[in-house]
C-alpha cells in the first residue's frame, strides 16, 4: 500500500498524519501511536529452457499487454517463493516445472502496480501440455536469437545473461 493511500488508522480509525519515523516519512496515528511500515511486493519468475529455447508467456493484462515475459507473478503471503514460481508457471503455461536453482534477485519497480523485488529461478520441465492460462493469452518456446517483444527490463536482463552463457 502506498503512503498516500493510508488515510485512517487500522487500529482506532483516527485520521493519520505524515511524519518522520525512523528516518522516513510514514503515516502514523496521533491518537494511538500506530506507524505504517509499507511492505514490499514480491514476485517470482521461472526460466525454463527446452532444446535451447526459452519458455515465455504473453501478457493479457496492462501494463505491457501483448508483450512476452518469463512465467511468473506475485508471491502470496506465507507462500514459499520457489513453490510460487512453480505454481505461476503451471497457471500461465500448463506446464509443471521443478525449480532447480536461484538465478537472480532484482530490485526495483518497473510499473506502479509491479513488484519491488523479483526472485528469478531456473526450472526444469516435468510434465504438462503447453497452453496459455490465467493472466497469459499465449505461451511458447522461443530461440534466444528470435525473441518477441519483451514486457519487462528484468526479463530482458535475465535472457541477456543466459544468452551470454550459451555463446
Protein backbone atom coordinates (compact mmCIF):
# COMPACT_ATOMS: atom_id res chain seq x y z
CA UNK A 1 0.00 0.00 0.00
CA UNK A 2 1.37 3.41 -0.96
CA UNK A 3 1.85 6.09 1.68
CA UNK A 4 -0.82 8.35 0.18
CA UNK A 5 -3.37 5.51 0.37
CA UNK A 6 -3.18 5.26 4.15
CA UNK A 7 -5.68 7.78 5.49
CA UNK A 8 -7.01 6.21 8.68
CA UNK A 9 -5.51 4.13 11.47
CA UNK A 10 -6.48 0.45 11.18
CA UNK A 11 -6.39 0.13 14.98
CA UNK A 12 -8.53 3.03 16.16
CA UNK A 13 -9.90 4.67 13.00
CA UNK A 14 -8.37 8.10 13.68
CA UNK A 15 -7.06 10.14 10.72
CA UNK A 16 -3.34 9.60 10.22
CA UNK A 17 -0.67 12.24 9.96
CA UNK A 18 2.51 12.01 7.92
CA UNK A 19 5.71 12.49 9.85
CA UNK A 20 9.26 11.23 10.10
CA UNK A 21 9.63 7.92 11.86
CA UNK A 22 12.91 6.01 11.84
CA UNK A 23 14.39 8.14 9.06
CA UNK A 24 11.44 8.08 6.64
CA UNK A 25 8.17 9.89 6.07
CA UNK A 26 5.45 7.48 7.26
CA UNK A 27 1.74 7.70 8.06
CA UNK A 28 1.12 7.44 11.77
CA UNK A 29 -1.75 7.80 14.20
CA UNK A 30 -1.55 10.71 16.65
CA UNK A 31 -4.18 9.00 18.82
CA UNK A 32 -2.76 5.51 19.47
CA UNK A 33 0.80 5.77 18.09
CA UNK A 34 0.46 3.19 15.28
CA UNK A 35 3.02 3.68 12.45
CA UNK A 36 2.54 2.31 8.92
CA UNK A 37 5.52 0.40 7.50
CA UNK A 38 4.97 -0.42 3.84
CA UNK A 39 5.97 -3.96 2.92
CA UNK A 40 7.49 -4.61 -0.50
CA UNK A 41 5.58 -6.59 -3.12
CA UNK A 42 7.49 -9.73 -4.06
CA UNK A 43 7.16 -11.51 -7.39
CA UNK A 44 8.78 -14.59 -8.86
CA UNK A 45 9.63 -15.75 -12.35
CA UNK A 46 10.96 -19.03 -13.68
CA UNK A 47 13.34 -19.56 -16.57
CA UNK A 48 12.61 -22.84 -18.35
CA UNK A 49 14.73 -23.94 -21.30
CA UNK A 50 13.83 -26.72 -23.73
CA UNK A 51 16.22 -27.60 -26.58
CA UNK A 52 17.92 -24.17 -26.43
CA UNK A 53 14.58 -22.35 -26.40
CA UNK A 54 13.11 -20.32 -23.55
CA UNK A 55 9.55 -20.54 -22.28
CA UNK A 56 7.67 -17.22 -22.37
CA UNK A 57 4.09 -16.17 -21.63
CA UNK A 58 2.22 -13.34 -23.37
CA UNK A 59 0.57 -10.86 -21.01
CA UNK A 60 -3.18 -10.47 -21.25
CA UNK A 61 -3.33 -7.50 -18.83
CA UNK A 62 -1.93 -4.00 -18.80
CA UNK A 63 0.67 -2.80 -18.44
CA UNK A 64 2.52 -4.29 -21.38
CA UNK A 65 -0.47 -6.27 -22.69
CA UNK A 66 0.58 -8.40 -25.66
CA UNK A 67 4.25 -8.43 -24.73
CA UNK A 68 6.08 -11.52 -23.53
CA UNK A 69 7.75 -12.37 -20.24
CA UNK A 70 9.01 -15.26 -18.18
CA UNK A 71 6.15 -17.11 -16.49
CA UNK A 72 5.68 -15.60 -13.05
CA UNK A 73 3.65 -13.49 -10.70
CA UNK A 74 3.20 -12.37 -7.12
CA UNK A 75 4.08 -14.46 -4.10
CA UNK A 76 1.13 -14.97 -1.75
CA UNK A 77 1.61 -14.26 1.96
CA UNK A 78 3.03 -17.35 3.63
CA UNK A 79 3.91 -19.00 0.29
CA UNK A 80 7.37 -20.37 -0.43
CA UNK A 81 8.73 -18.29 -3.35
CA UNK A 82 10.05 -21.34 -5.25
CA UNK A 83 6.64 -23.01 -4.99
CA UNK A 84 5.03 -19.75 -6.13
CA UNK A 85 7.23 -19.82 -9.25
CA UNK A 86 6.18 -23.41 -9.97
CA UNK A 87 2.50 -22.51 -9.40
CA UNK A 88 2.65 -19.45 -11.64
CA UNK A 89 4.30 -21.42 -14.44
CA UNK A 90 1.57 -24.07 -14.30
CA UNK A 91 -1.20 -21.44 -14.24
CA UNK A 92 0.20 -19.45 -17.17
CA UNK A 93 1.60 -22.19 -19.40
CA UNK A 94 0.01 -25.51 -18.43
CA UNK A 95 3.50 -26.90 -17.73
CA UNK A 96 4.67 -28.41 -14.46
CA UNK A 97 8.20 -27.42 -13.61
CA UNK A 98 10.56 -28.03 -10.73
CA UNK A 99 12.70 -25.16 -9.51
CA UNK A 100 16.34 -26.22 -9.65
CA UNK A 101 18.20 -23.11 -8.52
CA UNK A 102 18.07 -19.41 -7.80
CA UNK A 103 19.22 -17.29 -10.75
CA UNK A 104 18.88 -13.71 -9.52
CA UNK A 105 17.11 -11.29 -7.23
CA UNK A 106 16.24 -7.99 -8.93
CA UNK A 107 15.11 -4.90 -7.03
CA UNK A 108 13.14 -2.01 -8.50
CA UNK A 109 9.60 -1.49 -9.71
CA UNK A 110 9.01 -1.40 -13.45
CA UNK A 111 5.46 -0.03 -13.23
CA UNK A 112 3.17 1.35 -10.48
CA UNK A 113 1.42 -1.97 -9.76
CA UNK A 114 4.60 -4.02 -10.08
CA UNK A 115 6.78 -5.82 -7.61
CA UNK A 116 9.55 -4.18 -5.64
CA UNK A 117 11.54 -7.43 -5.56
CA UNK A 118 11.68 -10.08 -8.30
CA UNK A 119 13.11 -13.51 -7.46
CA UNK A 120 14.11 -15.41 -10.61
CA UNK A 121 14.58 -19.17 -10.57
CA UNK A 122 15.70 -21.70 -13.12
CA UNK A 123 13.34 -24.61 -13.57
CA UNK A 124 13.19 -27.89 -15.38
CA UNK A 125 10.20 -29.16 -17.32
CA UNK A 126 8.44 -32.07 -15.59
CA UNK A 127 5.16 -32.57 -17.48
CA UNK A 128 2.09 -30.91 -18.94
CA UNK A 129 0.70 -29.64 -22.18
CA UNK A 130 1.70 -26.18 -23.36
CA UNK A 131 -1.40 -23.96 -23.18
CA UNK A 132 -1.86 -20.40 -22.03
CA UNK A 133 -4.00 -19.72 -18.99
CA UNK A 134 -4.71 -17.38 -16.09
CA UNK A 135 -3.29 -13.94 -16.99
CA UNK A 136 -1.50 -15.13 -20.14
CA UNK A 137 -3.11 -15.50 -23.56
CA UNK A 138 -0.09 -17.11 -25.18
CA UNK A 139 2.68 -19.47 -24.15
CA UNK A 140 5.52 -20.62 -26.37
CA UNK A 141 9.19 -21.52 -26.55
CA UNK A 142 11.47 -19.06 -28.38
CA UNK A 143 15.05 -19.23 -29.57
CA UNK A 144 17.19 -16.75 -27.66
CA UNK A 145 18.12 -15.19 -31.02
CA UNK A 146 14.47 -14.73 -32.07
CA UNK A 147 12.70 -13.27 -29.05
CA UNK A 148 9.36 -11.46 -29.33
CA UNK A 149 8.73 -8.01 -27.81
CA UNK A 150 9.50 -8.35 -24.09
CA UNK A 151 7.35 -6.76 -21.40
CA UNK A 152 9.93 -6.08 -18.72
CA UNK A 153 13.52 -4.91 -18.47
CA UNK A 154 14.08 -7.65 -15.88
CA UNK A 155 13.07 -10.32 -18.42
CA UNK A 156 15.49 -8.86 -20.98
CA UNK A 157 18.22 -8.73 -18.31
CA UNK A 158 17.80 -12.41 -17.40
CA UNK A 159 17.63 -13.53 -21.04
CA UNK A 160 20.71 -11.48 -21.92
CA UNK A 161 22.68 -13.13 -19.12
CA UNK A 162 21.57 -16.58 -20.33
CA UNK A 163 22.47 -15.70 -23.94
CA UNK A 164 25.97 -14.68 -22.86
CA UNK A 165 26.48 -18.00 -21.06
CA UNK A 166 25.35 -20.06 -24.06
CA UNK A 167 27.71 -18.35 -26.50
